[in-house]
Amino acid sequence: MANDLMNRFDVDPFFDRMARYFFSPSRFDNDYADFGNLKTDINETDKDYTLKVDVPGIDKENIHLAYQNDTLSLNINQEKSSEQKDENGRVIASERSHGVMSRSYTLQGVDRDHISASVNDGVLNVTLPKVTESDEHDGHIEIE
């Protein structure tokens, strides 16, 4: 019965990570230990939403943001490789890894033309200003 519970979702993150560290505890694995976790802080004020997403070691060229239908989509596609050489310059180990992550956030009433984003010290900062009442207006002016 325990095996059925463990295999229900094909992957158990705790045991999968523990097995990876036990059988191949390389420095390369440490770089990707939390690759599947996009830890996020979201704050809302009257004027905007601000998101802070942990993206350590991710190049900004590999981060793709889109806002459509009240949903902010974050997609990351990162490839990494490393080589270890001996004292004679011969390659003794060569490793490659490819990781894909994505996450979506439902944030309503955003002024999509004024969204800004930046990456500083491994943190993606996204500011999504809210639509003001004047922005929601269709431009028609009533004559009194």
Protein backbone atom coordinates (compact mmCIF):
# COMPACT_ATOMS: atom_id res chain seq x y z
CA MET A 1 0.00 0.00 0.00
CA ALA A 2 2.84 2.40 0.80
CA ASN A 3 4.32 1.80 -2.65
CA ASP A 4 0.96 2.62 -4.26
CA LEU A 5 0.83 5.92 -2.39
CA MET A 6 4.41 6.78 -3.32
CA ASN A 7 3.90 5.95 -7.01
CA ARG A 8 0.58 7.76 -7.40
CA PHE A 9 2.26 10.92 -8.70
CA ASP A 10 5.37 9.20 -10.13
CA VAL A 11 7.75 11.52 -8.25
CA ASP A 12 8.23 12.10 -4.57
CA PRO A 13 10.32 15.29 -4.26
CA PHE A 14 11.74 14.39 -0.86
CA PHE A 15 12.93 10.91 -1.74
CA ASP A 16 13.91 11.89 -5.29
CA ARG A 17 16.15 14.70 -4.00
CA MET A 18 17.55 12.50 -1.22
CA ALA A 19 18.40 9.73 -3.70
CA ARG A 20 20.04 12.23 -6.05
CA TYR A 21 22.26 13.57 -3.24
CA PHE A 22 23.08 10.07 -2.02
CA PHE A 23 24.00 8.57 -5.38
CA SER A 24 25.53 11.60 -7.11
CA PRO A 25 26.29 14.43 -4.67
CA SER A 26 27.98 16.74 -7.16
CA ARG A 27 28.24 20.51 -6.95
CA PHE A 28 26.20 20.60 -10.16
CA ASP A 29 23.22 19.01 -8.38
CA ASN A 30 23.38 21.67 -5.66
CA ASP A 31 22.87 24.36 -8.30
CA TYR A 32 19.61 22.73 -9.36
CA ALA A 33 18.31 21.44 -6.02
CA ASP A 34 15.51 24.03 -5.93
CA PHE A 35 15.10 24.58 -9.67
CA GLY A 36 11.47 23.48 -9.59
CA ASN A 37 10.47 25.91 -6.84
CA LEU A 38 9.54 29.46 -7.81
CA LYS A 39 9.16 30.96 -4.37
CA THR A 40 7.05 34.09 -4.70
CA ASP A 41 5.99 37.02 -2.54
CA ILE A 42 3.00 39.04 -3.79
CA ASN A 43 1.99 42.37 -2.27
CA GLU A 44 -1.08 44.38 -3.24
CA THR A 45 -1.69 48.06 -2.65
CA ASP A 46 -4.38 50.40 -3.95
CA LYS A 47 -2.09 51.33 -6.84
CA ASP A 48 -0.37 48.09 -7.88
CA TYR A 49 0.70 44.50 -7.35
CA THR A 50 4.37 43.72 -6.73
CA LEU A 51 5.88 40.29 -7.12
CA LYS A 52 9.25 39.08 -5.93
CA VAL A 53 10.23 35.69 -7.33
CA ASP A 54 13.42 33.87 -6.36
CA VAL A 55 15.36 33.01 -9.53
CA PRO A 56 18.94 32.39 -8.33
CA GLY A 57 21.38 31.54 -11.10
CA ILE A 58 18.86 32.18 -13.88
CA ASP A 59 19.92 34.51 -16.70
CA LYS A 60 17.35 37.20 -17.46
CA GLU A 61 17.40 36.14 -21.14
CA ASN A 62 15.88 32.82 -20.02
CA ILE A 63 12.95 34.42 -18.16
CA HIS A 64 9.79 35.07 -20.17
CA LEU A 65 6.84 37.06 -18.80
CA ALA A 66 3.43 37.57 -20.39
CA TYR A 67 0.20 39.13 -19.12
CA GLN A 68 -3.02 38.06 -20.81
CA ASN A 69 -6.62 37.53 -19.64
CA ASP A 70 -5.88 38.69 -16.07
CA THR A 71 -3.05 36.15 -15.76
CA LEU A 72 0.68 36.81 -15.42
CA SER A 73 2.62 33.85 -16.84
CA LEU A 74 6.25 33.25 -15.89
CA ASN A 75 8.28 30.74 -17.92
CA ILE A 76 11.93 29.87 -17.39
CA ASN A 77 13.99 27.72 -19.73
CA GLN A 78 17.57 27.26 -18.48
CA GLU A 79 20.41 25.09 -19.74
CA LYS A 80 23.66 24.59 -17.87
CA SER A 81 26.82 22.65 -18.47
CA SER A 82 30.04 22.15 -16.56
CA GLU A 83 33.38 20.48 -17.17
CA GLN A 84 36.00 19.26 -14.78
CA LYS A 85 39.56 18.80 -16.03
CA ASP A 86 42.58 17.14 -14.49
CA GLU A 87 45.97 18.81 -14.08
CA ASN A 88 46.88 17.92 -17.69
CA GLY A 89 43.80 19.65 -19.07
CA ARG A 90 41.99 16.43 -19.93
CA VAL A 91 38.25 16.41 -19.36
CA ILE A 92 37.38 13.97 -16.59
CA ALA A 93 33.72 14.93 -16.17
CA SER A 94 31.26 16.79 -18.33
CA GLU A 95 27.68 17.38 -17.19
CA ARG A 96 24.69 19.04 -18.81
CA SER A 97 21.30 19.89 -17.45
CA HIS A 98 18.14 21.45 -18.82
CA GLY A 99 15.34 22.77 -16.68
CA VAL A 100 11.95 24.26 -17.45
CA MET A 101 9.72 25.99 -14.92
CA SER A 102 6.48 27.88 -15.25
CA ARG A 103 3.99 29.49 -12.96
CA SER A 104 0.86 31.60 -13.43
CA TYR A 105 -0.62 34.26 -11.18
CA THR A 106 -4.17 35.59 -11.48
CA LEU A 107 -4.04 39.37 -10.99
CA GLN A 108 -7.10 41.29 -12.11
CA GLY A 109 -7.39 44.90 -13.19
CA VAL A 110 -3.80 45.42 -14.35
CA ASP A 111 -2.70 48.21 -16.69
CA ARG A 112 -0.80 45.90 -19.03
CA ASP A 113 0.92 48.77 -20.88
CA HIS A 114 2.82 49.85 -17.76
CA ILE A 115 4.06 46.53 -16.32
CA SER A 116 7.76 46.63 -15.41
CA ALA A 117 10.20 43.88 -14.47
CA SER A 118 13.85 43.60 -13.44
CA VAL A 119 16.23 40.99 -12.02
CA ASN A 120 18.57 41.95 -9.16
CA ASP A 121 20.65 39.58 -7.01
CA GLY A 122 18.69 36.49 -8.06
CA VAL A 123 15.28 38.05 -7.47
CA LEU A 124 12.79 38.86 -10.24
CA ASN A 125 10.84 42.02 -9.33
CA VAL A 126 7.62 42.65 -11.24
CA THR A 127 5.38 45.69 -10.75
CA LEU A 128 1.88 45.55 -12.20
CA PRO A 129 0.07 48.88 -11.85
CA LYS A 130 -3.67 48.66 -11.44
CA VAL A 131 -6.03 50.25 -13.93
CA THR A 132 -7.41 53.54 -12.62
CA GLU A 133 -10.99 54.56 -13.22
CA SER A 134 -9.93 56.95 -15.95
CA ASP A 135 -8.05 54.11 -17.70
CA GLU A 136 -11.16 51.91 -17.71
CA HIS A 137 -13.19 54.57 -19.50
CA ASP A 138 -13.69 53.99 -23.21
CA GLY A 139 -12.71 57.56 -24.06
CA HIS A 140 -16.23 58.82 -24.60
CA ILE A 141 -16.94 62.19 -23.03
CA GLU A 142 -20.49 63.05 -22.00
CA ILE A 143 -21.68 66.56 -22.94
CA GLU A 144 -23.55 68.32 -20.15
